[in-house]
Amino acid sequence: MTKEELENRLIDYSVIIIDISENLKDSRAGNYFAGQVVRSGSSPALNYGEAQSAESKKDFLHKMKICLKELRETFVALKIIDRANLHLNYPHISEAMKESNELISIFVASVNTAESR
């Protein structure tokens, strides 16, 4: 996968997360998780963009690890949203969780590769 392809995949992921956040119940928990998931779910695309302009290998690795942490946070938030039934019959929660797992795997491999160099 090229850098551009991964960036586009992260952007598409952010759009899905934003859509999910807009389709949560209007409740205290729904509003909380809408804000939380949109922050953590859009962060990987933004941090990956920053990583492409990293000032050093250490800076690059740090930004990639932030992407990974945010993806994991989003995955857990999606599980909570699903289990607490905070969504309004939104059919794409499981797809978003699957994409989270795939992106996590990509970033784990990327971080491991970068650390070994």
C-alpha atoms as a PDB file:
ATOM      1  CA  MET A   1       0.000   0.000   0.000  1.00  0.00           C
ATOM      2  CA  THR A   2       1.383   3.400  -0.935  1.00  0.00           C
ATOM      3  CA  LYS A   3       1.480   6.387   1.420  1.00  0.00           C
ATOM      4  CA  GLU A   4      -1.272   8.025  -0.625  1.00  0.00           C
ATOM      5  CA  GLU A   5      -3.463   4.936  -0.482  1.00  0.00           C
ATOM      6  CA  LEU A   6      -3.061   4.685   3.285  1.00  0.00           C
ATOM      7  CA  GLU A   7      -3.770   8.395   3.685  1.00  0.00           C
ATOM      8  CA  ASN A   8      -6.944   8.054   1.600  1.00  0.00           C
ATOM      9  CA  ARG A   9      -7.989   5.013   3.608  1.00  0.00           C
ATOM     10  CA  LEU A  10      -7.524   6.990   6.833  1.00  0.00           C
ATOM     11  CA  ILE A  11      -9.540   9.878   5.397  1.00  0.00           C
ATOM     12  CA  ASP A  12     -12.345   7.491   4.403  1.00  0.00           C
ATOM     13  CA  TYR A  13     -12.198   6.019   7.912  1.00  0.00           C
ATOM     14  CA  SER A  14     -12.541   9.516   9.405  1.00  0.00           C
ATOM     15  CA  VAL A  15     -15.596  10.176   7.240  1.00  0.00           C
ATOM     16  CA  ILE A  16     -17.228   6.930   8.418  1.00  0.00           C
ATOM     17  CA  ILE A  17     -16.497   7.827  12.034  1.00  0.00           C
ATOM     18  CA  ILE A  18     -17.946  11.312  11.569  1.00  0.00           C
ATOM     19  CA  ASP A  19     -21.053   9.751  10.039  1.00  0.00           C
ATOM     20  CA  ILE A  20     -21.362   7.362  12.983  1.00  0.00           C
ATOM     21  CA  SER A  21     -21.005  10.243  15.443  1.00  0.00           C
ATOM     22  CA  GLU A  22     -23.822  12.099  13.695  1.00  0.00           C
ATOM     23  CA  ASN A  23     -26.071   9.053  14.101  1.00  0.00           C
ATOM     24  CA  LEU A  24     -25.792   8.482  17.837  1.00  0.00           C
ATOM     25  CA  LYS A  25     -28.669   8.920  20.239  1.00  0.00           C
ATOM     26  CA  ASP A  26     -29.264  12.409  21.566  1.00  0.00           C
ATOM     27  CA  SER A  27     -28.508  11.531  25.183  1.00  0.00           C
ATOM     28  CA  ARG A  28     -25.768  12.352  27.673  1.00  0.00           C
ATOM     29  CA  ALA A  29     -23.848   9.181  26.763  1.00  0.00           C
ATOM     30  CA  GLY A  30     -24.590   9.499  23.046  1.00  0.00           C
ATOM     31  CA  ASN A  31     -23.313  13.072  22.967  1.00  0.00           C
ATOM     32  CA  TYR A  32     -20.239  12.182  25.003  1.00  0.00           C
ATOM     33  CA  PHE A  33     -19.294   9.294  22.740  1.00  0.00           C
ATOM     34  CA  ALA A  34     -20.098  11.271  19.600  1.00  0.00           C
ATOM     35  CA  GLY A  35     -17.503  13.843  20.600  1.00  0.00           C
ATOM     36  CA  GLN A  36     -15.030  11.248  21.804  1.00  0.00           C
ATOM     37  CA  VAL A  37     -15.204   9.015  18.746  1.00  0.00           C
ATOM     38  CA  VAL A  38     -15.011  11.892  16.270  1.00  0.00           C
ATOM     39  CA  ARG A  39     -11.849  13.199  17.970  1.00  0.00           C
ATOM     40  CA  SER A  40     -10.083   9.858  18.206  1.00  0.00           C
ATOM     41  CA  GLY A  41     -11.396   8.611  14.849  1.00  0.00           C
ATOM     42  CA  SER A  42     -10.245  11.610  12.831  1.00  0.00           C
ATOM     43  CA  SER A  43      -6.914  11.922  14.622  1.00  0.00           C
ATOM     44  CA  PRO A  44      -5.104   9.091  12.760  1.00  0.00           C
ATOM     45  CA  ALA A  45      -5.556  10.770   9.366  1.00  0.00           C
ATOM     46  CA  LEU A  46      -4.319  14.087  10.718  1.00  0.00           C
ATOM     47  CA  ASN A  47      -1.361  12.573  12.560  1.00  0.00           C
ATOM     48  CA  TYR A  48      -0.423  10.438   9.567  1.00  0.00           C
ATOM     49  CA  GLY A  49      -0.288  13.629   7.515  1.00  0.00           C
ATOM     50  CA  GLU A  50       2.045  15.095  10.131  1.00  0.00           C
ATOM     51  CA  ALA A  51       4.177  11.948  10.116  1.00  0.00           C
ATOM     52  CA  GLN A  52       4.843  12.459   6.416  1.00  0.00           C
ATOM     53  CA  SER A  53       6.580  15.728   7.314  1.00  0.00           C
ATOM     54  CA  ALA A  54       8.352  14.428  10.398  1.00  0.00           C
ATOM     55  CA  GLU A  55      11.495  16.281  11.395  1.00  0.00           C
ATOM     56  CA  SER A  56      13.351  13.087  12.312  1.00  0.00           C
ATOM     57  CA  LYS A  57      12.953   9.314  12.480  1.00  0.00           C
ATOM     58  CA  LYS A  58      12.106   9.663  16.160  1.00  0.00           C
ATOM     59  CA  ASP A  59       9.415  12.253  15.351  1.00  0.00           C
ATOM     60  CA  PHE A  60       8.033   9.989  12.602  1.00  0.00           C
ATOM     61  CA  LEU A  61       7.846   7.032  14.971  1.00  0.00           C
ATOM     62  CA  HIS A  62       6.172   9.141  17.653  1.00  0.00           C
ATOM     63  CA  LYS A  63       3.449  10.319  15.251  1.00  0.00           C
ATOM     64  CA  MET A  64       2.870   6.794  13.956  1.00  0.00           C
ATOM     65  CA  LYS A  65       2.455   5.569  17.536  1.00  0.00           C
ATOM     66  CA  ILE A  66      -0.089   8.329  18.144  1.00  0.00           C
ATOM     67  CA  CYS A  67      -2.027   7.079  15.097  1.00  0.00           C
ATOM     68  CA  LEU A  68      -1.981   3.577  16.556  1.00  0.00           C
ATOM     69  CA  LYS A  69      -3.126   4.748  20.006  1.00  0.00           C
ATOM     70  CA  GLU A  70      -5.988   6.752  18.508  1.00  0.00           C
ATOM     71  CA  LEU A  71      -7.093   3.826  16.344  1.00  0.00           C
ATOM     72  CA  ARG A  72      -7.182   1.567  19.400  1.00  0.00           C
ATOM     73  CA  GLU A  73      -9.120   4.191  21.348  1.00  0.00           C
ATOM     74  CA  THR A  74     -11.631   4.519  18.528  1.00  0.00           C
ATOM     75  CA  PHE A  75     -12.039   0.748  18.317  1.00  0.00           C
ATOM     76  CA  VAL A  76     -12.892   0.540  22.024  1.00  0.00           C
ATOM     77  CA  ALA A  77     -15.270   3.518  21.741  1.00  0.00           C
ATOM     78  CA  LEU A  78     -17.052   1.797  18.840  1.00  0.00           C
ATOM     79  CA  LYS A  79     -17.447  -1.361  20.922  1.00  0.00           C
ATOM     80  CA  ILE A  80     -18.953   0.677  23.762  1.00  0.00           C
ATOM     81  CA  ILE A  81     -21.282   2.497  21.358  1.00  0.00           C
ATOM     82  CA  ASP A  82     -22.427  -0.818  19.938  1.00  0.00           C
ATOM     83  CA  ARG A  83     -22.829  -2.681  23.236  1.00  0.00           C
ATOM     84  CA  ALA A  84     -24.592   0.243  24.933  1.00  0.00           C
ATOM     85  CA  ASN A  85     -26.833   0.584  21.880  1.00  0.00           C
ATOM     86  CA  LEU A  86     -26.054   4.293  21.574  1.00  0.00           C
ATOM     87  CA  HIS A  87     -26.512   4.283  17.807  1.00  0.00           C
ATOM     88  CA  LEU A  88     -29.780   4.750  15.965  1.00  0.00           C
ATOM     89  CA  ASN A  89     -29.780   1.393  14.153  1.00  0.00           C
ATOM     90  CA  TYR A  90     -26.665   2.458  12.279  1.00  0.00           C
ATOM     91  CA  PRO A  91     -25.627  -0.489  10.100  1.00  0.00           C
ATOM     92  CA  HIS A  92     -21.953   0.408   9.650  1.00  0.00           C
ATOM     93  CA  ILE A  93     -20.655   0.029  13.212  1.00  0.00           C
ATOM     94  CA  SER A  94     -19.335  -3.489  12.559  1.00  0.00           C
ATOM     95  CA  GLU A  95     -17.703  -2.329   9.303  1.00  0.00           C
ATOM     96  CA  ALA A  96     -16.021   0.516  11.173  1.00  0.00           C
ATOM     97  CA  MET A  97     -14.768  -1.913  13.831  1.00  0.00           C
ATOM     98  CA  LYS A  98     -13.392  -4.206  11.119  1.00  0.00           C
ATOM     99  CA  GLU A  99     -11.629  -1.279   9.451  1.00  0.00           C
ATOM    100  CA  SER A 100     -10.263  -0.212  12.844  1.00  0.00           C
ATOM    101  CA  ASN A 101      -8.729  -3.659  13.311  1.00  0.00           C
ATOM    102  CA  GLU A 102      -7.210  -3.646   9.844  1.00  0.00           C
ATOM    103  CA  LEU A 103      -5.729  -0.175  10.307  1.00  0.00           C
ATOM    104  CA  ILE A 104      -4.396  -1.161  13.732  1.00  0.00           C
ATOM    105  CA  SER A 105      -2.632  -4.131  12.109  1.00  0.00           C
ATOM    106  CA  ILE A 106      -1.127  -1.884   9.443  1.00  0.00           C
ATOM    107  CA  PHE A 107       0.161   0.582  12.016  1.00  0.00           C
ATOM    108  CA  VAL A 108       1.530  -2.141  14.320  1.00  0.00           C
ATOM    109  CA  ALA A 109       3.538  -3.486  11.371  1.00  0.00           C
ATOM    110  CA  SER A 110       4.663   0.020  10.366  1.00  0.00           C
ATOM    111  CA  VAL A 111       5.766   0.908  13.898  1.00  0.00           C
ATOM    112  CA  ASN A 112       7.609  -2.397  14.247  1.00  0.00           C
ATOM    113  CA  THR A 113       9.371  -1.828  10.922  1.00  0.00           C
ATOM    114  CA  ALA A 114      10.311   1.737  11.821  1.00  0.00           C
ATOM    115  CA  GLU A 115      11.628   0.657  15.238  1.00  0.00           C
ATOM    116  CA  SER A 116      13.806  -2.077  13.717  1.00  0.00           C
ATOM    117  CA  ARG A 117      15.567   0.360  11.392  1.00  0.00           C
END
